[in-house]
């Protein structure tokens, strides 16, 4: 995500808490090989890939930067 790439992953807790299907990721059911293959085919679309990748980068910077993480730890320590 930080590199500006879309995510292709299983639609399971942890992953689907961070990425959103068709916004910055293509999620498929766990153990769904055809879903994975379809997701890989969709990633061939450069417009879709760049759009989702840009959104991934934005989410990573806003929510997972070192500054954001350290601020969260500092808030936790101070309260």
C-alpha atoms as a PDB file:
ATOM      1  CA  UNK A   1       0.000   0.000   0.000  1.00  0.00           C
ATOM      2  CA  UNK A   2       2.781   2.434   0.890  1.00  0.00           C
ATOM      3  CA  UNK A   3       4.281   1.820  -2.559  1.00  0.00           C
ATOM      4  CA  UNK A   4       1.028   2.860  -4.226  1.00  0.00           C
ATOM      5  CA  UNK A   5      -0.058  -0.626  -5.211  1.00  0.00           C
ATOM      6  CA  UNK A   6      -3.532  -2.121  -4.910  1.00  0.00           C
ATOM      7  CA  UNK A   7      -4.060  -5.125  -2.656  1.00  0.00           C
ATOM      8  CA  UNK A   8      -5.161  -8.546  -3.814  1.00  0.00           C
ATOM      9  CA  UNK A   9      -6.082 -10.668  -0.833  1.00  0.00           C
ATOM     10  CA  UNK A  10      -8.486 -12.918   1.031  1.00  0.00           C
ATOM     11  CA  UNK A  11     -11.643 -11.356   2.412  1.00  0.00           C
ATOM     12  CA  UNK A  12     -10.899 -12.240   6.028  1.00  0.00           C
ATOM     13  CA  UNK A  13     -10.746 -10.226   9.283  1.00  0.00           C
ATOM     14  CA  UNK A  14      -7.531  -8.291   9.590  1.00  0.00           C
ATOM     15  CA  UNK A  15      -7.198  -7.810   5.856  1.00  0.00           C
ATOM     16  CA  UNK A  16     -10.721  -6.515   5.270  1.00  0.00           C
ATOM     17  CA  UNK A  17     -10.339  -4.223   8.294  1.00  0.00           C
ATOM     18  CA  UNK A  18      -7.563  -2.347   6.503  1.00  0.00           C
ATOM     19  CA  UNK A  19      -8.490  -2.531   2.830  1.00  0.00           C
ATOM     20  CA  UNK A  20     -11.838  -2.107   1.139  1.00  0.00           C
ATOM     21  CA  UNK A  21     -12.935  -4.245  -1.776  1.00  0.00           C
ATOM     22  CA  UNK A  22     -13.116  -2.302  -5.055  1.00  0.00           C
ATOM     23  CA  UNK A  23     -11.766   0.837  -3.349  1.00  0.00           C
ATOM     24  CA  UNK A  24      -8.102  -0.015  -2.889  1.00  0.00           C
ATOM     25  CA  UNK A  25      -8.233  -3.792  -3.103  1.00  0.00           C
ATOM     26  CA  UNK A  26      -9.704  -6.788  -4.773  1.00  0.00           C
ATOM     27  CA  UNK A  27     -10.742  -9.268  -2.113  1.00  0.00           C
ATOM     28  CA  UNK A  28     -11.777 -12.845  -2.743  1.00  0.00           C
ATOM     29  CA  UNK A  29     -13.217 -15.531  -0.479  1.00  0.00           C
ATOM     30  CA  UNK A  30     -10.720 -17.496   1.555  1.00  0.00           C
ATOM     31  CA  UNK A  31      -9.440 -20.542  -0.385  1.00  0.00           C
ATOM     32  CA  UNK A  32     -11.200 -19.351  -3.567  1.00  0.00           C
ATOM     33  CA  UNK A  33      -8.659 -20.030  -6.298  1.00  0.00           C
ATOM     34  CA  UNK A  34     -10.964 -18.796  -9.073  1.00  0.00           C
ATOM     35  CA  UNK A  35     -11.487 -15.562  -7.119  1.00  0.00           C
ATOM     36  CA  UNK A  36      -7.727 -15.096  -6.958  1.00  0.00           C
ATOM     37  CA  UNK A  37      -7.404 -15.729 -10.693  1.00  0.00           C
ATOM     38  CA  UNK A  38     -10.234 -13.280 -11.445  1.00  0.00           C
ATOM     39  CA  UNK A  39      -8.548 -10.693  -9.220  1.00  0.00           C
ATOM     40  CA  UNK A  40      -5.275 -11.132 -11.071  1.00  0.00           C
ATOM     41  CA  UNK A  41      -7.121 -10.675 -14.374  1.00  0.00           C
ATOM     42  CA  UNK A  42      -8.718  -7.459 -13.087  1.00  0.00           C
ATOM     43  CA  UNK A  43      -5.276  -6.152 -12.117  1.00  0.00           C
ATOM     44  CA  UNK A  44      -4.384  -6.187 -15.828  1.00  0.00           C
ATOM     45  CA  UNK A  45      -6.609  -3.102 -16.171  1.00  0.00           C
ATOM     46  CA  UNK A  46      -4.083  -0.271 -15.793  1.00  0.00           C
ATOM     47  CA  UNK A  47      -6.697   2.399 -15.019  1.00  0.00           C
ATOM     48  CA  UNK A  48      -8.224   0.297 -12.248  1.00  0.00           C
ATOM     49  CA  UNK A  49      -4.801  -0.673 -10.915  1.00  0.00           C
ATOM     50  CA  UNK A  50      -3.540   2.915 -10.796  1.00  0.00           C
ATOM     51  CA  UNK A  51      -6.755   4.206  -9.220  1.00  0.00           C
ATOM     52  CA  UNK A  52      -6.741   1.553  -6.492  1.00  0.00           C
ATOM     53  CA  UNK A  53      -2.996   1.981  -6.016  1.00  0.00           C
ATOM     54  CA  UNK A  54      -3.370   5.721  -5.482  1.00  0.00           C
ATOM     55  CA  UNK A  55      -6.063   5.135  -2.899  1.00  0.00           C
ATOM     56  CA  UNK A  56      -3.879   2.500  -1.193  1.00  0.00           C
ATOM     57  CA  UNK A  57      -1.034   4.997  -0.918  1.00  0.00           C
ATOM     58  CA  UNK A  58      -3.354   7.634   0.525  1.00  0.00           C
ATOM     59  CA  UNK A  59      -4.701   5.229   3.164  1.00  0.00           C
ATOM     60  CA  UNK A  60      -1.193   4.070   4.095  1.00  0.00           C
ATOM     61  CA  UNK A  61       0.071   7.634   4.548  1.00  0.00           C
ATOM     62  CA  UNK A  62      -2.983   8.763   6.504  1.00  0.00           C
ATOM     63  CA  UNK A  63      -3.258   5.742   8.795  1.00  0.00           C
ATOM     64  CA  UNK A  64      -0.010   3.806   8.936  1.00  0.00           C
ATOM     65  CA  UNK A  65       2.835   6.301   8.730  1.00  0.00           C
ATOM     66  CA  UNK A  66       5.468   6.214  11.467  1.00  0.00           C
ATOM     67  CA  UNK A  67       4.274   9.631  12.699  1.00  0.00           C
ATOM     68  CA  UNK A  68       0.698   8.380  12.983  1.00  0.00           C
ATOM     69  CA  UNK A  69       1.827   5.203  14.754  1.00  0.00           C
ATOM     70  CA  UNK A  70       4.107   7.031  17.200  1.00  0.00           C
ATOM     71  CA  UNK A  71       1.365   9.559  17.962  1.00  0.00           C
ATOM     72  CA  UNK A  72      -0.973   6.688  18.798  1.00  0.00           C
ATOM     73  CA  UNK A  73       1.590   5.144  21.143  1.00  0.00           C
ATOM     74  CA  UNK A  74       2.219   8.507  22.782  1.00  0.00           C
ATOM     75  CA  UNK A  75      -1.512   9.014  23.359  1.00  0.00           C
ATOM     76  CA  UNK A  76      -1.716   5.543  24.857  1.00  0.00           C
ATOM     77  CA  UNK A  77       1.200   6.181  27.207  1.00  0.00           C
ATOM     78  CA  UNK A  78      -0.088   9.590  28.311  1.00  0.00           C
ATOM     79  CA  UNK A  79      -3.574   8.369  29.150  1.00  0.00           C
END
